[in-house]
Amino acid sequence: MTSRSPSFADALIAELAREPGGVSLPRLCKRLDVRMSVLLRELAWLGDDNIGGEMGPGLIRIERRGELDIAMLTDRGAAHAGAASAASS
């Protein structure tokens, strides 16, 4: 059903783990070298959106700050990033 790339999800989570205060969506697009539509789709999969009757894992949330949408890891996402980092060490 999904064509999600685990390596892109990992790169996105790692990028957000480096920025605990969050990162603007345009800046994430630039850092990850992806179009906004690709980023938004991945954020939906990793957030807590209900997609196809399944709730997402709730690893990422989007917060509006003034004119910018900021992506950041949730506590669950930070724990996931920490576990992934420890496993790769």
PDB file of N, CA and C in Angstrom:
ATOM      1  N   MET A   1       0.813  -1.196   0.000  1.00  0.00           N
ATOM      2  CA  MET A   1       0.000   0.000   0.000  1.00  0.00           C
ATOM      3  C   MET A   1       0.858   1.263   0.000  1.00  0.00           C
ATOM      4  N   THR A   2       2.033   1.224   0.608  1.00  0.00           N
ATOM      5  CA  THR A   2       2.841   2.428   0.721  1.00  0.00           C
ATOM      6  C   THR A   2       4.170   2.279   0.001  1.00  0.00           C
ATOM      7  N   SER A   3       4.653   3.395  -0.511  1.00  0.00           N
ATOM      8  CA  SER A   3       5.953   3.394  -1.156  1.00  0.00           C
ATOM      9  C   SER A   3       6.952   4.189  -0.320  1.00  0.00           C
ATOM     10  N   ARG A   4       6.694   4.276   0.969  1.00  0.00           N
ATOM     11  CA  ARG A   4       7.569   5.036   1.857  1.00  0.00           C
ATOM     12  C   ARG A   4       8.967   4.449   1.857  1.00  0.00           C
ATOM     13  N   SER A   5       9.927   5.323   1.943  1.00  0.00           N
ATOM     14  CA  SER A   5      11.325   4.910   1.986  1.00  0.00           C
ATOM     15  C   SER A   5      11.804   4.948   3.433  1.00  0.00           C
ATOM     16  N   PRO A   6      12.147   3.791   4.011  1.00  0.00           N
ATOM     17  CA  PRO A   6      12.637   3.807   5.393  1.00  0.00           C
ATOM     18  C   PRO A   6      13.861   4.701   5.552  1.00  0.00           C
ATOM     19  N   SER A   7      14.721   4.759   4.558  1.00  0.00           N
ATOM     20  CA  SER A   7      15.917   5.586   4.685  1.00  0.00           C
ATOM     21  C   SER A   7      15.556   7.073   4.729  1.00  0.00           C
ATOM     22  N   PHE A   8      14.516   7.498   3.992  1.00  0.00           N
ATOM     23  CA  PHE A   8      14.092   8.892   4.057  1.00  0.00           C
ATOM     24  C   PHE A   8      13.481   9.194   5.418  1.00  0.00           C
ATOM     25  N   ALA A   9      12.669   8.284   5.932  1.00  0.00           N
ATOM     26  CA  ALA A   9      12.083   8.473   7.262  1.00  0.00           C
ATOM     27  C   ALA A   9      13.191   8.585   8.310  1.00  0.00           C
ATOM     28  N   ASP A  10      14.187   7.731   8.204  1.00  0.00           N
ATOM     29  CA  ASP A  10      15.311   7.769   9.147  1.00  0.00           C
ATOM     30  C   ASP A  10      16.069   9.092   9.045  1.00  0.00           C
ATOM     31  N   ALA A  11      16.292   9.558   7.813  1.00  0.00           N
ATOM     32  CA  ALA A  11      17.000  10.825   7.613  1.00  0.00           C
ATOM     33  C   ALA A  11      16.190  11.988   8.185  1.00  0.00           C
ATOM     34  N   LEU A  12      14.895  11.959   7.994  1.00  0.00           N
ATOM     35  CA  LEU A  12      14.018  13.004   8.516  1.00  0.00           C
ATOM     36  C   LEU A  12      14.045  13.012  10.041  1.00  0.00           C
ATOM     37  N   ILE A  13      13.911  11.858  10.646  1.00  0.00           N
ATOM     38  CA  ILE A  13      13.926  11.758  12.109  1.00  0.00           C
ATOM     39  C   ILE A  13      15.286  12.197  12.654  1.00  0.00           C
ATOM     40  N   ALA A  14      16.361  11.794  12.001  1.00  0.00           N
ATOM     41  CA  ALA A  14      17.700  12.196  12.442  1.00  0.00           C
ATOM     42  C   ALA A  14      17.878  13.707  12.345  1.00  0.00           C
ATOM     43  N   GLU A  15      17.379  14.300  11.285  1.00  0.00           N
ATOM     44  CA  GLU A  15      17.488  15.757  11.116  1.00  0.00           C
ATOM     45  C   GLU A  15      16.722  16.475  12.221  1.00  0.00           C
ATOM     46  N   LEU A  16      15.532  15.995  12.539  1.00  0.00           N
ATOM     47  CA  LEU A  16      14.738  16.613  13.599  1.00  0.00           C
ATOM     48  C   LEU A  16      15.357  16.381  14.974  1.00  0.00           C
ATOM     49  N   ALA A  17      16.021  15.252  15.150  1.00  0.00           N
ATOM     50  CA  ALA A  17      16.674  14.965  16.436  1.00  0.00           C
ATOM     51  C   ALA A  17      17.807  15.955  16.702  1.00  0.00           C
ATOM     52  N   ARG A  18      18.426  16.471  15.644  1.00  0.00           N
ATOM     53  CA  ARG A  18      19.503  17.454  15.798  1.00  0.00           C
ATOM     54  C   ARG A  18      18.976  18.842  16.169  1.00  0.00           C
ATOM     55  N   GLU A  19      17.672  19.035  16.006  1.00  0.00           N
ATOM     56  CA  GLU A  19      17.049  20.343  16.247  1.00  0.00           C
ATOM     57  C   GLU A  19      15.868  20.180  17.207  1.00  0.00           C
ATOM     58  N   PRO A  20      16.114  20.057  18.509  1.00  0.00           N
ATOM     59  CA  PRO A  20      15.024  19.820  19.461  1.00  0.00           C
ATOM     60  C   PRO A  20      13.941  20.897  19.457  1.00  0.00           C
ATOM     61  N   GLY A  21      14.292  22.117  19.069  1.00  0.00           N
ATOM     62  CA  GLY A  21      13.310  23.199  19.004  1.00  0.00           C
ATOM     63  C   GLY A  21      12.475  23.189  17.739  1.00  0.00           C
ATOM     64  N   GLY A  22      12.798  22.286  16.821  1.00  0.00           N
ATOM     65  CA  GLY A  22      12.049  22.173  15.574  1.00  0.00           C
ATOM     66  C   GLY A  22      12.755  22.841  14.410  1.00  0.00           C
ATOM     67  N   VAL A  23      12.286  22.538  13.222  1.00  0.00           N
ATOM     68  CA  VAL A  23      12.846  23.063  11.976  1.00  0.00           C
ATOM     69  C   VAL A  23      11.683  23.453  11.069  1.00  0.00           C
ATOM     70  N   SER A  24      11.810  24.589  10.404  1.00  0.00           N
ATOM     71  CA  SER A  24      10.759  24.998   9.477  1.00  0.00           C
ATOM     72  C   SER A  24      10.693  24.012   8.312  1.00  0.00           C
ATOM     73  N   LEU A  25       9.499  23.864   7.762  1.00  0.00           N
ATOM     74  CA  LEU A  25       9.335  22.919   6.654  1.00  0.00           C
ATOM     75  C   LEU A  25      10.168  23.296   5.431  1.00  0.00           C
ATOM     76  N   PRO A  26      10.237  24.584   5.043  1.00  0.00           N
ATOM     77  CA  PRO A  26      11.104  24.915   3.902  1.00  0.00           C
ATOM     78  C   PRO A  26      12.572  24.557   4.156  1.00  0.00           C
ATOM     79  N   ARG A  27      13.042  24.784   5.375  1.00  0.00           N
ATOM     80  CA  ARG A  27      14.429  24.461   5.700  1.00  0.00           C
ATOM     81  C   ARG A  27      14.652  22.945   5.647  1.00  0.00           C
ATOM     82  N   LEU A  28      13.677  22.172   6.125  1.00  0.00           N
ATOM     83  CA  LEU A  28      13.795  20.708   6.049  1.00  0.00           C
ATOM     84  C   LEU A  28      13.871  20.245   4.596  1.00  0.00           C
ATOM     85  N   CYS A  29      13.049  20.843   3.747  1.00  0.00           N
ATOM     86  CA  CYS A  29      13.088  20.487   2.316  1.00  0.00           C
ATOM     87  C   CYS A  29      14.480  20.716   1.754  1.00  0.00           C
ATOM     88  N   LYS A  30      15.055  21.842   2.090  1.00  0.00           N
ATOM     89  CA  LYS A  30      16.383  22.179   1.575  1.00  0.00           C
ATOM     90  C   LYS A  30      17.439  21.213   2.119  1.00  0.00           C
ATOM     91  N   ARG A  31      17.400  20.957   3.426  1.00  0.00           N
ATOM     92  CA  ARG A  31      18.396  20.073   4.038  1.00  0.00           C
ATOM     93  C   ARG A  31      18.295  18.637   3.517  1.00  0.00           C
ATOM     94  N   LEU A  32      17.068  18.186   3.278  1.00  0.00           N
ATOM     95  CA  LEU A  32      16.866  16.805   2.842  1.00  0.00           C
ATOM     96  C   LEU A  32      16.794  16.680   1.322  1.00  0.00           C
ATOM     97  N   ASP A  33      16.819  17.817   0.617  1.00  0.00           N
ATOM     98  CA  ASP A  33      16.784  17.861  -0.847  1.00  0.00           C
ATOM     99  C   ASP A  33      15.554  17.141  -1.402  1.00  0.00           C
ATOM    100  N   VAL A  34      14.373  17.544  -0.879  1.00  0.00           N
ATOM    101  CA  VAL A  34      13.104  16.979  -1.359  1.00  0.00           C
ATOM    102  C   VAL A  34      12.115  18.116  -1.605  1.00  0.00           C
ATOM    103  N   ARG A  35      11.110  17.822  -2.411  1.00  0.00           N
ATOM    104  CA  ARG A  35      10.025  18.774  -2.637  1.00  0.00           C
ATOM    105  C   ARG A  35       9.115  18.803  -1.411  1.00  0.00           C
ATOM    106  N   MET A  36       8.407  19.898  -1.246  1.00  0.00           N
ATOM    107  CA  MET A  36       7.502  20.056  -0.105  1.00  0.00           C
ATOM    108  C   MET A  36       6.446  18.952  -0.085  1.00  0.00           C
ATOM    109  N   SER A  37       5.927  18.563  -1.244  1.00  0.00           N
ATOM    110  CA  SER A  37       4.894  17.521  -1.272  1.00  0.00           C
ATOM    111  C   SER A  37       5.420  16.194  -0.715  1.00  0.00           C
ATOM    112  N   VAL A  38       6.674  15.883  -1.003  1.00  0.00           N
ATOM    113  CA  VAL A  38       7.286  14.651  -0.495  1.00  0.00           C
ATOM    114  C   VAL A  38       7.435  14.747   1.022  1.00  0.00           C
ATOM    115  N   LEU A  39       7.905  15.885   1.490  1.00  0.00           N
ATOM    116  CA  LEU A  39       8.079  16.088   2.927  1.00  0.00           C
ATOM    117  C   LEU A  39       6.740  16.000   3.656  1.00  0.00           C
ATOM    118  N   LEU A  40       5.726  16.673   3.141  1.00  0.00           N
ATOM    119  CA  LEU A  40       4.418  16.659   3.796  1.00  0.00           C
ATOM    120  C   LEU A  40       3.829  15.257   3.863  1.00  0.00           C
ATOM    121  N   ARG A  41       4.012  14.495   2.819  1.00  0.00           N
ATOM    122  CA  ARG A  41       3.514  13.112   2.809  1.00  0.00           C
ATOM    123  C   ARG A  41       4.208  12.291   3.895  1.00  0.00           C
ATOM    124  N   GLU A  42       5.519  12.435   4.014  1.00  0.00           N
ATOM    125  CA  GLU A  42       6.262  11.676   5.022  1.00  0.00           C
ATOM    126  C   GLU A  42       5.895  12.132   6.433  1.00  0.00           C
ATOM    127  N   LEU A  43       5.728  13.435   6.614  1.00  0.00           N
ATOM    128  CA  LEU A  43       5.324  13.947   7.921  1.00  0.00           C
ATOM    129  C   LEU A  43       3.961  13.388   8.325  1.00  0.00           C
ATOM    130  N   ALA A  44       3.065  13.273   7.348  1.00  0.00           N
ATOM    131  CA  ALA A  44       1.746  12.690   7.647  1.00  0.00           C
ATOM    132  C   ALA A  44       1.885  11.236   8.089  1.00  0.00           C
ATOM    133  N   TRP A  45       2.735  10.477   7.408  1.00  0.00           N
ATOM    134  CA  TRP A  45       2.934   9.064   7.764  1.00  0.00           C
ATOM    135  C   TRP A  45       3.547   8.907   9.147  1.00  0.00           C
ATOM    136  N   LEU A  46       4.457   9.813   9.506  1.00  0.00           N
ATOM    137  CA  LEU A  46       5.160   9.699  10.776  1.00  0.00           C
ATOM    138  C   LEU A  46       4.461  10.424  11.922  1.00  0.00           C
ATOM    139  N   GLY A  47       3.464  11.221  11.603  1.00  0.00           N
ATOM    140  CA  GLY A  47       2.708  11.928  12.627  1.00  0.00           C
ATOM    141  C   GLY A  47       1.629  11.028  13.213  1.00  0.00           C
ATOM    142  N   ASP A  48       0.572  11.650  13.696  1.00  0.00           N
ATOM    143  CA  ASP A  48      -0.506  10.852  14.278  1.00  0.00           C
ATOM    144  C   ASP A  48      -1.774  10.888  13.433  1.00  0.00           C
ATOM    145  N   ASP A  49      -1.617  11.267  12.148  1.00  0.00           N
ATOM    146  CA  ASP A  49      -2.766  11.300  11.241  1.00  0.00           C
ATOM    147  C   ASP A  49      -3.343   9.902  11.042  1.00  0.00           C
ATOM    148  N   ASN A  50      -4.641   9.861  10.796  1.00  0.00           N
ATOM    149  CA  ASN A  50      -5.313   8.614  10.462  1.00  0.00           C
ATOM    150  C   ASN A  50      -5.279   8.486   8.940  1.00  0.00           C
ATOM    151  N   ILE A  51      -4.522   7.510   8.457  1.00  0.00           N
ATOM    152  CA  ILE A  51      -4.384   7.300   7.018  1.00  0.00           C
ATOM    153  C   ILE A  51      -4.848   5.886   6.700  1.00  0.00           C
ATOM    154  N   GLY A  52      -5.878   5.782   5.889  1.00  0.00           N
ATOM    155  CA  GLY A  52      -6.388   4.476   5.514  1.00  0.00           C
ATOM    156  C   GLY A  52      -6.890   3.668   6.703  1.00  0.00           C
ATOM    157  N   GLY A  53      -7.414   4.360   7.708  1.00  0.00           N
ATOM    158  CA  GLY A  53      -7.939   3.665   8.871  1.00  0.00           C
ATOM    159  C   GLY A  53      -6.890   3.284   9.905  1.00  0.00           C
ATOM    160  N   GLU A  54      -5.639   3.664   9.664  1.00  0.00           N
ATOM    161  CA  GLU A  54      -4.569   3.356  10.616  1.00  0.00           C
ATOM    162  C   GLU A  54      -3.979   4.649  11.155  1.00  0.00           C
ATOM    163  N   MET A  55      -3.850   4.706  12.463  1.00  0.00           N
ATOM    164  CA  MET A  55      -3.228   5.876  13.087  1.00  0.00           C
ATOM    165  C   MET A  55      -1.715   5.803  12.888  1.00  0.00           C
ATOM    166  N   GLY A  56      -1.112   6.949  12.645  1.00  0.00           N
ATOM    167  CA  GLY A  56       0.340   7.012  12.510  1.00  0.00           C
ATOM    168  C   GLY A  56       1.008   6.789  13.855  1.00  0.00           C
ATOM    169  N   PRO A  57       2.320   6.613  13.849  1.00  0.00           N
ATOM    170  CA  PRO A  57       3.046   6.307  15.084  1.00  0.00           C
ATOM    171  C   PRO A  57       3.221   7.496  16.025  1.00  0.00           C
ATOM    172  N   GLY A  58       2.909   8.699  15.570  1.00  0.00           N
ATOM    173  CA  GLY A  58       3.011   9.870  16.436  1.00  0.00           C
ATOM    174  C   GLY A  58       4.438  10.266  16.780  1.00  0.00           C
ATOM    175  N   LEU A  59       5.350  10.120  15.819  1.00  0.00           N
ATOM    176  CA  LEU A  59       6.760  10.455  16.060  1.00  0.00           C
ATOM    177  C   LEU A  59       7.060  11.931  15.845  1.00  0.00           C
ATOM    178  N   ILE A  60       6.240  12.591  15.019  1.00  0.00           N
ATOM    179  CA  ILE A  60       6.496  13.980  14.622  1.00  0.00           C
ATOM    180  C   ILE A  60       5.214  14.791  14.750  1.00  0.00           C
ATOM    181  N   ARG A  61       5.369  16.063  15.124  1.00  0.00           N
ATOM    182  CA  ARG A  61       4.216  16.966  15.114  1.00  0.00           C
ATOM    183  C   ARG A  61       4.608  18.251  14.398  1.00  0.00           C
ATOM    184  N   ILE A  62       3.613  18.941  13.883  1.00  0.00           N
ATOM    185  CA  ILE A  62       3.809  20.217  13.201  1.00  0.00           C
ATOM    186  C   ILE A  62       3.166  21.289  14.071  1.00  0.00           C
ATOM    187  N   GLU A  63       3.894  22.361  14.276  1.00  0.00           N
ATOM    188  CA  GLU A  63       3.423  23.465  15.100  1.00  0.00           C
ATOM    189  C   GLU A  63       3.511  24.743  14.279  1.00  0.00           C
ATOM    190  N   ARG A  64       2.506  25.578  14.375  1.00  0.00           N
ATOM    191  CA  ARG A  64       2.495  26.856  13.646  1.00  0.00           C
ATOM    192  C   ARG A  64       3.122  27.929  14.538  1.00  0.00           C
ATOM    193  N   ARG A  65       4.161  28.596  14.039  1.00  0.00           N
ATOM    194  CA  ARG A  65       4.798  29.710  14.752  1.00  0.00           C
ATOM    195  C   ARG A  65       4.805  30.914  13.823  1.00  0.00           C
ATOM    196  N   GLY A  66       3.908  31.808  14.071  1.00  0.00           N
ATOM    197  CA  GLY A  66       3.780  32.969  13.194  1.00  0.00           C
ATOM    198  C   GLY A  66       3.404  32.524  11.797  1.00  0.00           C
ATOM    199  N   GLU A  67       4.258  32.815  10.843  1.00  0.00           N
ATOM    200  CA  GLU A  67       4.014  32.452   9.447  1.00  0.00           C
ATOM    201  C   GLU A  67       4.574  31.077   9.080  1.00  0.00           C
ATOM    202  N   LEU A  68       5.327  30.467   9.987  1.00  0.00           N
ATOM    203  CA  LEU A  68       6.034  29.221   9.657  1.00  0.00           C
ATOM    204  C   LEU A  68       5.408  27.993  10.293  1.00  0.00           C
ATOM    205  N   ASP A  69       5.430  26.896   9.556  1.00  0.00           N
ATOM    206  CA  ASP A  69       5.105  25.587  10.115  1.00  0.00           C
ATOM    207  C   ASP A  69       6.429  24.952  10.509  1.00  0.00           C
ATOM    208  N   ILE A  70       6.506  24.491  11.745  1.00  0.00           N
ATOM    209  CA  ILE A  70       7.721  23.925  12.311  1.00  0.00           C
ATOM    210  C   ILE A  70       7.479  22.454  12.620  1.00  0.00           C
ATOM    211  N   ALA A  71       8.373  21.594  12.138  1.00  0.00           N
ATOM    212  CA  ALA A  71       8.292  20.159  12.440  1.00  0.00           C
ATOM    213  C   ALA A  71       9.220  19.868  13.612  1.00  0.00           C
ATOM    214  N   MET A  72       8.757  19.006  14.502  1.00  0.00           N
ATOM    215  CA  MET A  72       9.588  18.601  15.634  1.00  0.00           C
ATOM    216  C   MET A  72       9.201  17.197  16.061  1.00  0.00           C
ATOM    217  N   LEU A  73      10.141  16.557  16.730  1.00  0.00           N
ATOM    218  CA  LEU A  73       9.873  15.227  17.249  1.00  0.00           C
ATOM    219  C   LEU A  73       8.997  15.325  18.491  1.00  0.00           C
ATOM    220  N   THR A  74       8.108  14.374  18.640  1.00  0.00           N
ATOM    221  CA  THR A  74       7.359  14.236  19.880  1.00  0.00           C
ATOM    222  C   THR A  74       8.267  13.495  20.864  1.00  0.00           C
ATOM    223  N   ASP A  75       7.822  13.320  22.082  1.00  0.00           N
ATOM    224  CA  ASP A  75       8.607  12.535  23.043  1.00  0.00           C
ATOM    225  C   ASP A  75       8.828  11.119  22.506  1.00  0.00           C
ATOM    226  N   ARG A  76       7.799  10.563  21.903  1.00  0.00           N
ATOM    227  CA  ARG A  76       7.918   9.221  21.303  1.00  0.00           C
ATOM    228  C   ARG A  76       8.933   9.223  20.175  1.00  0.00           C
ATOM    229  N   GLY A  77       8.924  10.275  19.366  1.00  0.00           N
ATOM    230  CA  GLY A  77       9.876  10.393  18.264  1.00  0.00           C
ATOM    231  C   GLY A  77      11.308  10.535  18.751  1.00  0.00           C
ATOM    232  N   ALA A  78      11.488  11.310  19.832  1.00  0.00           N
ATOM    233  CA  ALA A  78      12.830  11.486  20.405  1.00  0.00           C
ATOM    234  C   ALA A  78      13.339  10.163  20.957  1.00  0.00           C
ATOM    235  N   ALA A  79      12.459   9.386  21.600  1.00  0.00           N
ATOM    236  CA  ALA A  79      12.855   8.078  22.113  1.00  0.00           C
ATOM    237  C   ALA A  79      13.219   7.134  20.959  1.00  0.00           C
ATOM    238  N   HIS A  80      12.459   7.204  19.881  1.00  0.00           N
ATOM    239  CA  HIS A  80      12.713   6.397  18.684  1.00  0.00           C
ATOM    240  C   HIS A  80      14.073   6.779  18.081  1.00  0.00           C
ATOM    241  N   ALA A  81      14.333   8.081  17.984  1.00  0.00           N
ATOM    242  CA  ALA A  81      15.609   8.556  17.422  1.00  0.00           C
ATOM    243  C   ALA A  81      16.772   8.103  18.307  1.00  0.00           C
ATOM    244  N   GLY A  82      16.591   8.172  19.598  1.00  0.00           N
ATOM    245  CA  GLY A  82      17.638   7.719  20.526  1.00  0.00           C
ATOM    246  C   GLY A  82      17.907   6.237  20.409  1.00  0.00           C
ATOM    247  N   ALA A  83      16.849   5.451  20.264  1.00  0.00           N
ATOM    248  CA  ALA A  83      17.000   3.999  20.116  1.00  0.00           C
ATOM    249  C   ALA A  83      17.686   3.675  18.788  1.00  0.00           C
ATOM    250  N   ALA A  84      17.314   4.390  17.729  1.00  0.00           N
ATOM    251  CA  ALA A  84      17.926   4.147  16.416  1.00  0.00           C
ATOM    252  C   ALA A  84      19.403   4.529  16.442  1.00  0.00           C
ATOM    253  N   SER A  85      19.719   5.632  17.121  1.00  0.00           N
ATOM    254  CA  SER A  85      21.100   6.074  17.230  1.00  0.00           C
ATOM    255  C   SER A  85      21.942   5.074  18.014  1.00  0.00           C
ATOM    256  N   ALA A  86      21.377   4.556  19.101  1.00  0.00           N
ATOM    257  CA  ALA A  86      22.100   3.569  19.913  1.00  0.00           C
ATOM    258  C   ALA A  86      22.306   2.269  19.146  1.00  0.00           C
ATOM    259  N   ALA A  87      21.331   1.882  18.338  1.00  0.00           N
ATOM    260  CA  ALA A  87      21.438   0.640  17.575  1.00  0.00           C
ATOM    261  C   ALA A  87      22.497   0.734  16.488  1.00  0.00           C
ATOM    262  N   SER A  88      22.694   1.953  15.943  1.00  0.00           N
ATOM    263  CA  SER A  88      23.671   2.100  14.860  1.00  0.00           C
ATOM    264  C   SER A  88      25.084   2.324  15.390  1.00  0.00           C
ATOM    265  N   SER A  89      25.235   2.517  16.688  1.00  0.00           N
ATOM    266  CA  SER A  89      26.568   2.750  17.279  1.00  0.00           C
ATOM    267  C   SER A  89      27.306   1.464  17.522  1.00  0.00           C
TER     268      SER A  89
END
